[in-house]
């Protein structure tokens, strides 16, 4: 998903650039699953900044009236949330923050969107389309999964491309392993801001502070 770093405040940041991040807080009121994690996100604006994700991150599962909301939050100001209604993907919510500038987006998805077959989701003037599907069935740490591979393209106000791989538990579609790449660019008052992200997650055994599946 894209990141927009823009606004009048960028003029001040150009003179006194500062970028900070912090660990994610523990989600309350949700089942929480721990994942071994390797990854980062970065931008080239204001001399560049990079956020390395911690070795353990979590996905919180919130029950909704229709299904569930899966929230991955590796850092305090970085999260991705998938809103699912049964097998249908209703929205994708993204939060990023660099240099104190937060970018928050909720992409509403068209009918037929899902983690298994792809999606077409839109936020304002930006649309992300993911195409692909199931490429195989694999065992991940003894769990039977369906491996889904998608390629994504972003058009409109932000432009770019990426990939998504999900290893979904065959019994209920819960993500056991995830991997993603994101490369995109967004116009701003200081020129095009390039965003890059890479991550791999794998469900780990139960640890303190986390509830296993």
N, C-alpha and C. Protein backbone atom coordinates (compact mmCIF):
# COMPACT_ATOMS: atom_id res chain seq x y z
N UNK A 1 0.83 -1.19 0.00
CA UNK A 1 0.00 0.00 0.00
C UNK A 1 0.87 1.25 0.00
N UNK A 2 0.39 2.33 -0.58
CA UNK A 2 1.21 3.50 -0.73
C UNK A 2 1.32 4.35 0.52
N UNK A 3 2.31 5.24 0.50
CA UNK A 3 2.52 6.19 1.58
C UNK A 3 2.64 7.57 0.99
N UNK A 4 1.89 8.55 1.48
CA UNK A 4 2.00 9.93 1.03
C UNK A 4 2.69 10.73 2.12
N UNK A 5 3.78 11.39 1.78
CA UNK A 5 4.47 12.27 2.72
C UNK A 5 4.42 13.65 2.12
N UNK A 6 3.47 14.45 2.53
CA UNK A 6 3.25 15.75 1.92
C UNK A 6 2.66 16.69 2.95
N UNK A 7 2.65 18.00 2.62
CA UNK A 7 2.06 18.99 3.49
C UNK A 7 2.99 20.15 3.72
N UNK A 8 2.43 21.22 4.21
CA UNK A 8 3.21 22.44 4.45
C UNK A 8 4.31 22.19 5.46
N UNK A 9 4.07 21.31 6.44
CA UNK A 9 5.07 21.05 7.48
C UNK A 9 6.37 20.51 6.91
N UNK A 10 6.37 19.99 5.68
CA UNK A 10 7.59 19.46 5.10
C UNK A 10 8.67 20.54 4.94
N UNK A 11 8.26 21.78 4.79
CA UNK A 11 9.24 22.85 4.66
C UNK A 11 10.09 22.94 5.92
N UNK A 12 9.40 22.84 7.08
CA UNK A 12 10.13 22.88 8.35
C UNK A 12 10.99 21.63 8.52
N UNK A 13 10.46 20.47 8.12
CA UNK A 13 11.22 19.23 8.26
C UNK A 13 12.47 19.23 7.39
N UNK A 14 12.41 19.94 6.26
CA UNK A 14 13.58 20.01 5.39
C UNK A 14 14.74 20.70 6.11
N UNK A 15 14.40 21.67 6.97
CA UNK A 15 15.43 22.39 7.72
C UNK A 15 15.86 21.60 8.94
N UNK A 16 14.88 21.03 9.65
CA UNK A 16 15.17 20.28 10.87
C UNK A 16 14.55 18.87 10.77
N UNK A 17 15.04 18.03 9.88
CA UNK A 17 14.42 16.71 9.70
C UNK A 17 14.59 15.82 10.91
N UNK A 18 13.49 15.23 11.37
CA UNK A 18 13.50 14.29 12.48
C UNK A 18 12.55 13.15 12.16
N UNK A 19 12.98 11.96 12.44
CA UNK A 19 12.11 10.81 12.23
C UNK A 19 12.31 9.85 13.38
N UNK A 20 11.23 9.50 14.05
CA UNK A 20 11.30 8.58 15.16
C UNK A 20 10.20 7.52 15.03
N UNK A 21 10.40 6.42 15.70
CA UNK A 21 9.38 5.38 15.74
C UNK A 21 9.45 4.71 17.10
N UNK A 22 8.47 3.85 17.39
CA UNK A 22 8.40 3.21 18.70
C UNK A 22 7.72 1.86 18.56
N UNK A 23 7.95 0.95 19.51
CA UNK A 23 7.29 -0.36 19.45
C UNK A 23 5.78 -0.23 19.48
N UNK A 24 5.11 -1.22 18.93
CA UNK A 24 3.65 -1.22 18.92
C UNK A 24 3.12 -1.56 20.31
N UNK A 25 2.05 -0.91 20.73
CA UNK A 25 1.42 -1.29 22.00
C UNK A 25 0.67 -2.61 21.86
N UNK A 26 0.38 -3.24 22.97
CA UNK A 26 -0.39 -4.48 22.97
C UNK A 26 -1.85 -4.16 22.67
N UNK A 27 -2.43 -4.88 21.72
CA UNK A 27 -3.85 -4.69 21.38
C UNK A 27 -4.72 -5.21 22.52
N UNK A 28 -5.75 -4.45 22.85
CA UNK A 28 -6.67 -4.85 23.91
C UNK A 28 -7.98 -5.35 23.29
N UNK A 29 -8.63 -6.27 23.99
CA UNK A 29 -9.92 -6.75 23.55
C UNK A 29 -9.87 -7.60 22.30
N UNK A 30 -8.75 -8.30 22.08
CA UNK A 30 -8.62 -9.12 20.87
C UNK A 30 -7.73 -10.32 21.16
N UNK A 31 -7.94 -11.41 20.40
CA UNK A 31 -7.00 -12.51 20.40
C UNK A 31 -5.75 -12.05 19.65
N UNK A 32 -4.58 -12.36 20.20
CA UNK A 32 -3.34 -11.87 19.61
C UNK A 32 -2.41 -13.03 19.29
N UNK A 33 -1.86 -13.02 18.08
CA UNK A 33 -0.99 -14.09 17.60
C UNK A 33 0.38 -13.51 17.26
N UNK A 34 1.43 -14.20 17.70
CA UNK A 34 2.79 -13.72 17.51
C UNK A 34 3.41 -14.36 16.27
N UNK A 35 4.18 -13.55 15.53
CA UNK A 35 4.83 -13.99 14.30
C UNK A 35 6.31 -13.64 14.32
N UNK A 36 7.15 -14.59 13.93
CA UNK A 36 8.55 -14.28 13.66
C UNK A 36 8.59 -13.38 12.43
N UNK A 37 9.33 -12.29 12.51
CA UNK A 37 9.23 -11.23 11.50
C UNK A 37 10.60 -10.78 11.02
N UNK A 38 10.72 -10.58 9.71
CA UNK A 38 11.88 -9.94 9.10
C UNK A 38 11.34 -8.90 8.13
N UNK A 39 11.79 -7.64 8.24
CA UNK A 39 11.29 -6.66 7.29
C UNK A 39 11.58 -5.23 7.68
N UNK A 40 11.18 -4.32 6.78
CA UNK A 40 11.41 -2.90 6.99
C UNK A 40 10.50 -2.09 6.05
N UNK A 41 10.41 -0.79 6.31
CA UNK A 41 9.82 0.17 5.39
C UNK A 41 10.75 1.37 5.33
N UNK A 42 10.75 2.08 4.19
CA UNK A 42 11.65 3.23 4.05
C UNK A 42 11.07 4.24 3.07
N UNK A 43 11.52 5.49 3.19
CA UNK A 43 11.21 6.54 2.22
C UNK A 43 12.50 7.26 1.87
N UNK A 44 12.49 7.94 0.72
CA UNK A 44 13.67 8.68 0.30
C UNK A 44 13.57 10.16 0.61
N UNK A 45 12.46 10.63 1.18
CA UNK A 45 12.26 12.05 1.45
C UNK A 45 13.18 12.55 2.56
N UNK A 46 13.57 13.81 2.48
CA UNK A 46 14.33 14.50 3.53
C UNK A 46 15.59 13.74 3.93
N UNK A 47 16.28 13.23 2.94
CA UNK A 47 17.50 12.50 3.20
C UNK A 47 17.30 11.03 3.45
N UNK A 48 16.04 10.60 3.53
CA UNK A 48 15.72 9.19 3.69
C UNK A 48 15.52 8.78 5.14
N UNK A 49 14.69 7.76 5.33
CA UNK A 49 14.45 7.19 6.65
C UNK A 49 14.04 5.74 6.48
N UNK A 50 14.42 4.93 7.44
CA UNK A 50 14.12 3.50 7.38
C UNK A 50 13.66 3.02 8.75
N UNK A 51 12.56 2.25 8.77
CA UNK A 51 12.06 1.63 9.98
C UNK A 51 12.23 0.12 9.86
N UNK A 52 13.06 -0.46 10.71
CA UNK A 52 13.24 -1.90 10.72
C UNK A 52 12.23 -2.52 11.67
N UNK A 53 11.52 -3.54 11.22
CA UNK A 53 10.49 -4.16 12.05
C UNK A 53 11.13 -5.08 13.09
N UNK A 54 10.55 -5.18 14.26
CA UNK A 54 11.12 -6.06 15.30
C UNK A 54 11.02 -7.52 14.91
N UNK A 55 11.79 -8.36 15.58
CA UNK A 55 11.85 -9.78 15.26
C UNK A 55 10.57 -10.54 15.57
N UNK A 56 9.74 -9.99 16.45
CA UNK A 56 8.42 -10.55 16.73
C UNK A 56 7.38 -9.46 16.58
N UNK A 57 6.39 -9.69 15.74
CA UNK A 57 5.26 -8.78 15.62
C UNK A 57 3.98 -9.60 15.84
N UNK A 58 2.84 -8.90 15.89
CA UNK A 58 1.59 -9.58 16.23
C UNK A 58 0.45 -9.19 15.31
N UNK A 59 -0.44 -10.15 15.13
CA UNK A 59 -1.71 -9.88 14.46
C UNK A 59 -2.81 -10.04 15.50
N UNK A 60 -3.61 -8.99 15.67
CA UNK A 60 -4.74 -9.03 16.59
C UNK A 60 -6.01 -9.31 15.80
N UNK A 61 -6.84 -10.20 16.32
CA UNK A 61 -8.09 -10.57 15.67
C UNK A 61 -9.25 -9.99 16.46
N UNK A 62 -9.95 -9.03 15.86
CA UNK A 62 -11.12 -8.41 16.47
C UNK A 62 -12.37 -8.98 15.81
N UNK A 63 -13.30 -9.46 16.59
CA UNK A 63 -14.56 -9.95 16.06
C UNK A 63 -15.45 -8.77 15.69
N UNK A 64 -16.13 -8.88 14.55
CA UNK A 64 -17.05 -7.85 14.10
C UNK A 64 -18.43 -8.47 13.90
N UNK A 65 -19.43 -7.63 13.61
CA UNK A 65 -20.78 -8.13 13.39
C UNK A 65 -20.85 -9.04 12.17
N UNK A 66 -19.91 -8.86 11.23
CA UNK A 66 -19.94 -9.61 9.98
C UNK A 66 -18.89 -10.71 9.92
N UNK A 67 -17.79 -10.52 10.63
CA UNK A 67 -16.69 -11.47 10.52
C UNK A 67 -15.58 -11.11 11.48
N UNK A 68 -14.42 -10.71 10.94
CA UNK A 68 -13.30 -10.37 11.79
C UNK A 68 -12.40 -9.34 11.14
N UNK A 69 -11.68 -8.61 11.97
CA UNK A 69 -10.71 -7.62 11.53
C UNK A 69 -9.34 -8.10 11.98
N UNK A 70 -8.43 -8.34 11.01
CA UNK A 70 -7.07 -8.78 11.31
C UNK A 70 -6.15 -7.57 11.26
N UNK A 71 -5.53 -7.23 12.38
CA UNK A 71 -4.69 -6.02 12.47
C UNK A 71 -3.25 -6.41 12.74
N UNK A 72 -2.38 -6.16 11.75
CA UNK A 72 -0.94 -6.32 11.95
C UNK A 72 -0.36 -4.96 12.26
N UNK A 73 0.30 -4.83 13.40
CA UNK A 73 0.85 -3.54 13.83
C UNK A 73 2.28 -3.75 14.31
N UNK A 74 3.26 -3.69 13.40
CA UNK A 74 4.64 -3.94 13.80
C UNK A 74 5.26 -2.80 14.61
N UNK A 75 4.78 -1.57 14.39
CA UNK A 75 5.28 -0.40 15.09
C UNK A 75 4.11 0.45 15.56
N UNK A 76 4.36 1.37 16.44
CA UNK A 76 3.29 2.21 16.97
C UNK A 76 2.52 2.91 15.86
N UNK A 77 3.25 3.39 14.84
CA UNK A 77 2.63 4.18 13.78
C UNK A 77 2.70 3.49 12.43
N UNK A 78 2.67 2.15 12.44
CA UNK A 78 2.63 1.38 11.20
C UNK A 78 1.69 0.20 11.39
N UNK A 79 0.65 0.11 10.55
CA UNK A 79 -0.29 -1.01 10.67
C UNK A 79 -0.97 -1.29 9.34
N UNK A 80 -1.41 -2.52 9.19
CA UNK A 80 -2.26 -2.96 8.08
C UNK A 80 -3.38 -3.78 8.68
N UNK A 81 -4.62 -3.50 8.27
CA UNK A 81 -5.77 -4.23 8.79
C UNK A 81 -6.63 -4.71 7.64
N UNK A 82 -6.99 -5.99 7.66
CA UNK A 82 -7.88 -6.58 6.67
C UNK A 82 -9.25 -6.81 7.32
N UNK A 83 -10.28 -6.20 6.77
CA UNK A 83 -11.65 -6.39 7.27
C UNK A 83 -12.31 -7.48 6.43
N UNK A 84 -12.64 -8.59 7.09
CA UNK A 84 -13.18 -9.75 6.39
C UNK A 84 -14.61 -10.02 6.83
N UNK A 85 -15.46 -10.33 5.86
CA UNK A 85 -16.84 -10.73 6.12
C UNK A 85 -16.99 -12.12 5.52
N UNK A 86 -16.83 -13.15 6.36
CA UNK A 86 -16.73 -14.49 5.80
C UNK A 86 -15.45 -14.58 4.97
N UNK A 87 -15.57 -14.99 3.72
CA UNK A 87 -14.41 -15.03 2.84
C UNK A 87 -14.22 -13.78 2.02
N UNK A 88 -15.08 -12.77 2.22
CA UNK A 88 -15.02 -11.54 1.43
C UNK A 88 -14.17 -10.48 2.11
N UNK A 89 -13.29 -9.84 1.34
CA UNK A 89 -12.47 -8.74 1.84
C UNK A 89 -13.22 -7.43 1.62
N UNK A 90 -13.58 -6.74 2.69
CA UNK A 90 -14.37 -5.52 2.57
C UNK A 90 -13.51 -4.26 2.51
N UNK A 91 -12.39 -4.25 3.24
CA UNK A 91 -11.54 -3.07 3.23
C UNK A 91 -10.13 -3.43 3.69
N UNK A 92 -9.18 -2.56 3.31
CA UNK A 92 -7.80 -2.66 3.79
C UNK A 92 -7.45 -1.29 4.37
N UNK A 93 -7.02 -1.30 5.62
CA UNK A 93 -6.66 -0.05 6.29
C UNK A 93 -5.15 0.01 6.47
N UNK A 94 -4.57 1.14 6.10
CA UNK A 94 -3.12 1.31 6.18
C UNK A 94 -2.76 2.56 6.98
N UNK A 95 -1.75 2.43 7.85
CA UNK A 95 -1.20 3.58 8.57
C UNK A 95 0.32 3.53 8.46
N UNK A 96 0.91 4.67 8.08
CA UNK A 96 2.37 4.83 8.06
C UNK A 96 2.68 6.21 8.65
N UNK A 97 3.85 6.36 9.21
CA UNK A 97 4.27 7.68 9.68
C UNK A 97 5.77 7.84 9.53
N UNK A 98 6.18 8.93 8.88
CA UNK A 98 7.57 9.33 8.76
C UNK A 98 7.68 10.82 9.06
N UNK A 99 8.73 11.21 9.79
CA UNK A 99 8.99 12.61 10.10
C UNK A 99 7.77 13.28 10.72
N UNK A 100 7.02 12.54 11.53
CA UNK A 100 5.86 13.11 12.20
C UNK A 100 4.64 13.30 11.33
N UNK A 101 4.72 12.89 10.07
CA UNK A 101 3.61 13.03 9.13
C UNK A 101 2.92 11.69 8.97
N UNK A 102 1.68 11.59 9.47
CA UNK A 102 0.94 10.33 9.41
C UNK A 102 0.11 10.25 8.15
N UNK A 103 0.16 9.08 7.53
CA UNK A 103 -0.66 8.79 6.36
C UNK A 103 -1.61 7.65 6.73
N UNK A 104 -2.90 7.93 6.77
CA UNK A 104 -3.91 6.94 7.16
C UNK A 104 -4.90 6.77 6.00
N UNK A 105 -5.09 5.53 5.56
CA UNK A 105 -5.96 5.27 4.42
C UNK A 105 -6.84 4.05 4.68
N UNK A 106 -8.09 4.14 4.25
CA UNK A 106 -8.99 2.99 4.25
C UNK A 106 -9.42 2.74 2.82
N UNK A 107 -8.95 1.64 2.25
CA UNK A 107 -9.30 1.25 0.89
C UNK A 107 -10.57 0.40 0.92
N UNK A 108 -11.62 0.86 0.28
CA UNK A 108 -12.88 0.12 0.19
C UNK A 108 -12.81 -0.81 -1.03
N UNK A 109 -13.19 -2.05 -0.82
CA UNK A 109 -13.00 -3.06 -1.86
C UNK A 109 -14.28 -3.38 -2.62
N UNK A 110 -14.13 -3.64 -3.90
CA UNK A 110 -15.25 -3.98 -4.76
C UNK A 110 -15.74 -5.39 -4.46
N UNK A 111 -16.96 -5.69 -4.92
CA UNK A 111 -17.55 -7.01 -4.71
C UNK A 111 -16.64 -8.10 -5.26
N UNK A 112 -16.56 -9.22 -4.54
CA UNK A 112 -15.76 -10.35 -4.99
C UNK A 112 -14.33 -10.34 -4.50
N UNK A 113 -13.92 -9.29 -3.79
CA UNK A 113 -12.54 -9.21 -3.29
C UNK A 113 -12.31 -10.26 -2.20
N UNK A 114 -11.12 -10.85 -2.18
CA UNK A 114 -10.77 -11.81 -1.14
C UNK A 114 -9.27 -11.98 -1.07
N UNK A 115 -8.79 -12.54 0.04
CA UNK A 115 -7.36 -12.82 0.18
C UNK A 115 -6.94 -13.98 -0.72
N UNK A 116 -7.87 -14.81 -1.13
CA UNK A 116 -7.55 -15.98 -1.96
C UNK A 116 -7.45 -15.64 -3.44
N UNK A 117 -8.26 -14.70 -3.92
CA UNK A 117 -8.33 -14.46 -5.37
C UNK A 117 -7.92 -13.06 -5.80
N UNK A 118 -7.71 -12.14 -4.84
CA UNK A 118 -7.31 -10.79 -5.19
C UNK A 118 -8.40 -9.77 -4.92
N UNK A 119 -8.11 -8.51 -5.30
CA UNK A 119 -9.05 -7.45 -4.97
C UNK A 119 -8.85 -6.22 -5.86
N UNK A 120 -9.85 -5.38 -5.84
CA UNK A 120 -9.78 -4.03 -6.40
C UNK A 120 -10.32 -3.10 -5.32
N UNK A 121 -9.44 -2.31 -4.71
CA UNK A 121 -9.81 -1.47 -3.57
C UNK A 121 -9.36 -0.04 -3.83
N UNK A 122 -10.18 0.92 -3.40
CA UNK A 122 -9.94 2.32 -3.74
C UNK A 122 -9.99 3.22 -2.52
N UNK A 123 -9.05 4.16 -2.49
CA UNK A 123 -9.04 5.24 -1.50
C UNK A 123 -8.87 6.55 -2.26
N UNK A 124 -9.90 7.40 -2.23
CA UNK A 124 -9.88 8.68 -2.95
C UNK A 124 -9.48 8.47 -4.41
N UNK A 125 -8.34 9.04 -4.85
CA UNK A 125 -7.96 8.94 -6.26
C UNK A 125 -6.97 7.82 -6.53
N UNK A 126 -6.78 6.93 -5.57
CA UNK A 126 -5.81 5.84 -5.72
C UNK A 126 -6.52 4.48 -5.66
N UNK A 127 -6.17 3.61 -6.59
CA UNK A 127 -6.77 2.28 -6.64
C UNK A 127 -5.66 1.23 -6.64
N UNK A 128 -5.84 0.20 -5.84
CA UNK A 128 -4.92 -0.94 -5.86
C UNK A 128 -5.66 -2.17 -6.37
N UNK A 129 -5.08 -2.84 -7.35
CA UNK A 129 -5.64 -4.06 -7.91
C UNK A 129 -4.65 -5.20 -7.65
N UNK A 130 -5.14 -6.28 -7.06
CA UNK A 130 -4.32 -7.47 -6.80
C UNK A 130 -4.88 -8.62 -7.62
N UNK A 131 -4.01 -9.25 -8.41
CA UNK A 131 -4.43 -10.37 -9.26
C UNK A 131 -3.57 -11.59 -8.98
N UNK A 132 -4.20 -12.75 -9.09
CA UNK A 132 -3.49 -14.01 -8.87
C UNK A 132 -4.44 -15.02 -8.29
N UNK A 133 -3.93 -15.87 -7.42
CA UNK A 133 -4.78 -16.88 -6.81
C UNK A 133 -3.97 -17.98 -6.16
N UNK A 134 -4.60 -19.10 -5.94
CA UNK A 134 -3.96 -20.23 -5.26
C UNK A 134 -2.91 -20.86 -6.17
N UNK A 135 -1.70 -21.05 -5.63
CA UNK A 135 -0.62 -21.67 -6.40
C UNK A 135 -0.23 -23.04 -5.85
N UNK A 136 -0.82 -23.41 -4.72
CA UNK A 136 -0.51 -24.73 -4.19
C UNK A 136 -1.03 -24.91 -2.77
N UNK A 137 -0.82 -26.13 -2.27
CA UNK A 137 -1.17 -26.47 -0.90
C UNK A 137 0.09 -26.94 -0.19
N UNK A 138 0.39 -26.33 0.96
CA UNK A 138 1.65 -26.60 1.64
C UNK A 138 1.42 -26.78 3.13
N UNK A 139 2.33 -27.50 3.77
CA UNK A 139 2.34 -27.62 5.22
C UNK A 139 3.35 -26.63 5.78
N UNK A 140 2.90 -25.80 6.71
CA UNK A 140 3.77 -24.83 7.38
C UNK A 140 3.78 -25.18 8.86
N UNK A 141 4.92 -25.67 9.34
CA UNK A 141 5.03 -26.12 10.73
C UNK A 141 3.92 -27.09 11.09
N UNK A 142 3.63 -28.02 10.17
CA UNK A 142 2.64 -29.05 10.42
C UNK A 142 1.20 -28.64 10.18
N UNK A 143 0.98 -27.39 9.76
CA UNK A 143 -0.37 -26.89 9.52
C UNK A 143 -0.65 -26.91 8.02
N UNK A 144 -1.77 -27.47 7.63
CA UNK A 144 -2.17 -27.50 6.22
C UNK A 144 -2.60 -26.11 5.78
N UNK A 145 -1.96 -25.58 4.72
CA UNK A 145 -2.29 -24.24 4.25
C UNK A 145 -2.54 -24.22 2.75
N UNK A 146 -3.23 -23.17 2.33
CA UNK A 146 -3.40 -22.86 0.92
C UNK A 146 -2.48 -21.68 0.62
N UNK A 147 -1.58 -21.85 -0.34
CA UNK A 147 -0.64 -20.79 -0.69
C UNK A 147 -1.22 -19.93 -1.80
N UNK A 148 -1.40 -18.65 -1.51
CA UNK A 148 -1.94 -17.68 -2.47
C UNK A 148 -0.84 -16.70 -2.86
N UNK A 149 -0.69 -16.44 -4.15
CA UNK A 149 0.30 -15.46 -4.63
C UNK A 149 -0.42 -14.43 -5.49
N UNK A 150 -0.24 -13.15 -5.13
CA UNK A 150 -0.89 -12.05 -5.83
C UNK A 150 0.15 -11.02 -6.26
N UNK A 151 -0.07 -10.40 -7.41
CA UNK A 151 0.72 -9.24 -7.82
C UNK A 151 -0.19 -8.03 -7.75
N UNK A 152 0.35 -6.92 -7.27
CA UNK A 152 -0.46 -5.72 -7.07
C UNK A 152 0.05 -4.58 -7.95
N UNK A 153 -0.89 -3.73 -8.36
CA UNK A 153 -0.55 -2.51 -9.08
C UNK A 153 -1.38 -1.37 -8.52
N UNK A 154 -0.72 -0.25 -8.27
CA UNK A 154 -1.35 0.93 -7.71
C UNK A 154 -1.36 2.03 -8.76
N UNK A 155 -2.51 2.64 -8.99
CA UNK A 155 -2.63 3.71 -9.98
C UNK A 155 -3.43 4.87 -9.39
N UNK A 156 -3.25 6.04 -10.02
CA UNK A 156 -3.96 7.23 -9.57
C UNK A 156 -3.02 8.20 -8.90
N UNK A 157 -3.42 8.72 -7.73
CA UNK A 157 -2.59 9.68 -7.02
C UNK A 157 -1.25 9.11 -6.61
N UNK A 158 -1.22 7.82 -6.31
CA UNK A 158 0.01 7.09 -6.04
C UNK A 158 0.16 6.00 -7.08
N UNK A 159 1.40 5.75 -7.51
CA UNK A 159 1.65 4.72 -8.52
C UNK A 159 2.72 3.77 -8.03
N UNK A 160 2.54 2.49 -8.32
CA UNK A 160 3.54 1.52 -7.92
C UNK A 160 3.09 0.10 -8.14
N UNK A 161 3.86 -0.83 -7.59
CA UNK A 161 3.58 -2.26 -7.76
C UNK A 161 4.13 -3.03 -6.57
N UNK A 162 3.67 -4.27 -6.45
CA UNK A 162 4.15 -5.09 -5.35
C UNK A 162 3.68 -6.52 -5.48
N UNK A 163 3.90 -7.29 -4.43
CA UNK A 163 3.48 -8.69 -4.39
C UNK A 163 2.91 -8.98 -3.01
N UNK A 164 2.03 -9.99 -2.95
CA UNK A 164 1.50 -10.50 -1.69
C UNK A 164 1.48 -12.02 -1.74
N UNK A 165 2.00 -12.65 -0.72
CA UNK A 165 1.88 -14.09 -0.56
C UNK A 165 1.21 -14.36 0.78
N UNK A 166 0.17 -15.17 0.74
CA UNK A 166 -0.51 -15.61 1.96
C UNK A 166 -0.50 -17.13 2.01
N UNK A 167 -0.17 -17.68 3.18
CA UNK A 167 -0.35 -19.10 3.45
C UNK A 167 -1.50 -19.18 4.44
N UNK A 168 -2.70 -19.52 3.94
CA UNK A 168 -3.91 -19.48 4.74
C UNK A 168 -4.27 -20.88 5.24
N UNK A 169 -4.56 -20.99 6.51
CA UNK A 169 -4.94 -22.27 7.08
C UNK A 169 -6.17 -22.80 6.35
N UNK A 170 -6.10 -24.04 5.91
CA UNK A 170 -7.18 -24.60 5.09
C UNK A 170 -8.50 -24.65 5.84
N UNK A 171 -8.45 -24.82 7.14
CA UNK A 171 -9.69 -24.99 7.90
C UNK A 171 -10.51 -23.72 8.02
N UNK A 172 -9.84 -22.56 8.09
CA UNK A 172 -10.60 -21.32 8.34
C UNK A 172 -10.02 -20.08 7.66
N UNK A 173 -8.95 -20.22 6.86
CA UNK A 173 -8.40 -19.08 6.15
C UNK A 173 -7.52 -18.17 6.97
N UNK A 174 -7.17 -18.57 8.18
CA UNK A 174 -6.32 -17.73 9.02
C UNK A 174 -4.89 -17.72 8.47
N UNK A 175 -4.23 -16.54 8.41
CA UNK A 175 -2.87 -16.47 7.84
C UNK A 175 -1.81 -17.06 8.77
N UNK A 176 -1.13 -18.09 8.28
CA UNK A 176 -0.05 -18.73 9.03
C UNK A 176 1.30 -18.13 8.64
N UNK A 177 1.43 -17.74 7.39
CA UNK A 177 2.64 -17.08 6.91
C UNK A 177 2.22 -15.99 5.94
N UNK A 178 2.95 -14.87 5.92
CA UNK A 178 2.68 -13.77 4.99
C UNK A 178 4.00 -13.21 4.49
N UNK A 179 4.02 -12.73 3.26
CA UNK A 179 5.18 -12.06 2.71
C UNK A 179 4.70 -10.98 1.75
N UNK A 180 5.42 -9.86 1.69
CA UNK A 180 4.97 -8.76 0.83
C UNK A 180 6.13 -7.91 0.38
N UNK A 181 5.96 -7.29 -0.80
CA UNK A 181 6.85 -6.24 -1.28
C UNK A 181 5.97 -5.08 -1.73
N UNK A 182 6.43 -3.87 -1.48
CA UNK A 182 5.73 -2.65 -1.90
C UNK A 182 6.76 -1.66 -2.43
N UNK A 183 6.50 -1.12 -3.61
CA UNK A 183 7.34 -0.06 -4.18
C UNK A 183 6.39 0.93 -4.86
N UNK A 184 6.35 2.17 -4.37
CA UNK A 184 5.45 3.14 -4.97
C UNK A 184 5.98 4.56 -4.81
N UNK A 185 5.35 5.48 -5.50
CA UNK A 185 5.76 6.88 -5.47
C UNK A 185 4.53 7.77 -5.43
N UNK A 186 4.61 8.85 -4.65
CA UNK A 186 3.51 9.78 -4.48
C UNK A 186 4.03 11.21 -4.65
N UNK A 187 3.36 12.05 -5.42
CA UNK A 187 3.78 13.45 -5.57
C UNK A 187 3.68 14.19 -4.24
N UNK A 188 4.58 15.15 -4.03
CA UNK A 188 4.52 16.02 -2.86
C UNK A 188 5.13 17.36 -3.22
N UNK A 189 5.12 18.30 -2.30
CA UNK A 189 5.66 19.64 -2.58
C UNK A 189 7.17 19.63 -2.72
N UNK A 190 7.84 18.54 -2.33
CA UNK A 190 9.29 18.45 -2.51
C UNK A 190 9.66 17.45 -3.60
N UNK A 191 8.66 17.08 -4.42
CA UNK A 191 8.91 16.12 -5.49
C UNK A 191 8.29 14.77 -5.17
N UNK A 192 8.57 13.78 -6.01
CA UNK A 192 8.00 12.45 -5.83
C UNK A 192 8.68 11.74 -4.65
N UNK A 193 7.85 11.26 -3.75
CA UNK A 193 8.35 10.54 -2.57
C UNK A 193 8.23 9.05 -2.85
N UNK A 194 9.35 8.34 -2.78
CA UNK A 194 9.38 6.91 -3.05
C UNK A 194 9.34 6.13 -1.74
N UNK A 195 8.44 5.16 -1.69
CA UNK A 195 8.26 4.32 -0.51
C UNK A 195 8.61 2.89 -0.88
N UNK A 196 9.27 2.18 0.03
CA UNK A 196 9.66 0.79 -0.20
C UNK A 196 9.40 0.00 1.07
N UNK A 197 8.88 -1.24 0.90
CA UNK A 197 8.63 -2.11 2.05
C UNK A 197 8.87 -3.56 1.66
N UNK A 198 9.42 -4.31 2.62
CA UNK A 198 9.62 -5.74 2.48
C UNK A 198 9.34 -6.38 3.83
N UNK A 199 8.59 -7.48 3.84
CA UNK A 199 8.45 -8.21 5.10
C UNK A 199 8.04 -9.65 4.87
N UNK A 200 8.40 -10.49 5.85
CA UNK A 200 8.00 -11.89 5.90
C UNK A 200 7.61 -12.20 7.34
N UNK A 201 6.45 -12.83 7.51
CA UNK A 201 5.94 -13.19 8.83
C UNK A 201 5.61 -14.67 8.85
N UNK A 202 5.86 -15.32 9.99
CA UNK A 202 5.45 -16.71 10.16
C UNK A 202 4.98 -16.92 11.59
N UNK A 203 3.80 -17.50 11.72
CA UNK A 203 3.22 -17.76 13.03
C UNK A 203 4.20 -18.57 13.88
N UNK A 204 4.39 -18.15 15.12
CA UNK A 204 5.30 -18.86 16.00
C UNK A 204 4.53 -19.51 17.14
N UNK A 205 5.15 -20.46 17.84
CA UNK A 205 4.46 -21.12 18.97
C UNK A 205 4.04 -20.09 20.01
N UNK A 206 3.12 -20.49 20.85
CA UNK A 206 2.61 -19.59 21.88
C UNK A 206 3.75 -19.07 22.75
N UNK A 207 3.73 -17.74 23.01
CA UNK A 207 4.72 -17.13 23.89
C UNK A 207 3.96 -16.27 24.90
N UNK A 208 4.69 -15.76 25.87
CA UNK A 208 4.06 -14.92 26.88
C UNK A 208 3.42 -13.71 26.23
N UNK A 209 2.19 -13.44 26.58
CA UNK A 209 1.51 -12.28 26.04
C UNK A 209 0.81 -12.54 24.73
N UNK A 210 0.84 -13.77 24.25
CA UNK A 210 0.18 -14.08 22.96
C UNK A 210 -0.64 -15.35 23.12
N UNK A 211 -1.74 -15.39 22.40
CA UNK A 211 -2.61 -16.56 22.40
C UNK A 211 -2.45 -17.31 21.11
N UNK A 212 -2.08 -18.59 21.17
CA UNK A 212 -1.88 -19.38 19.96
C UNK A 212 -3.20 -19.77 19.33
N UNK A 213 -3.18 -20.17 18.05
CA UNK A 213 -4.41 -20.54 17.37
C UNK A 213 -4.94 -21.89 17.83
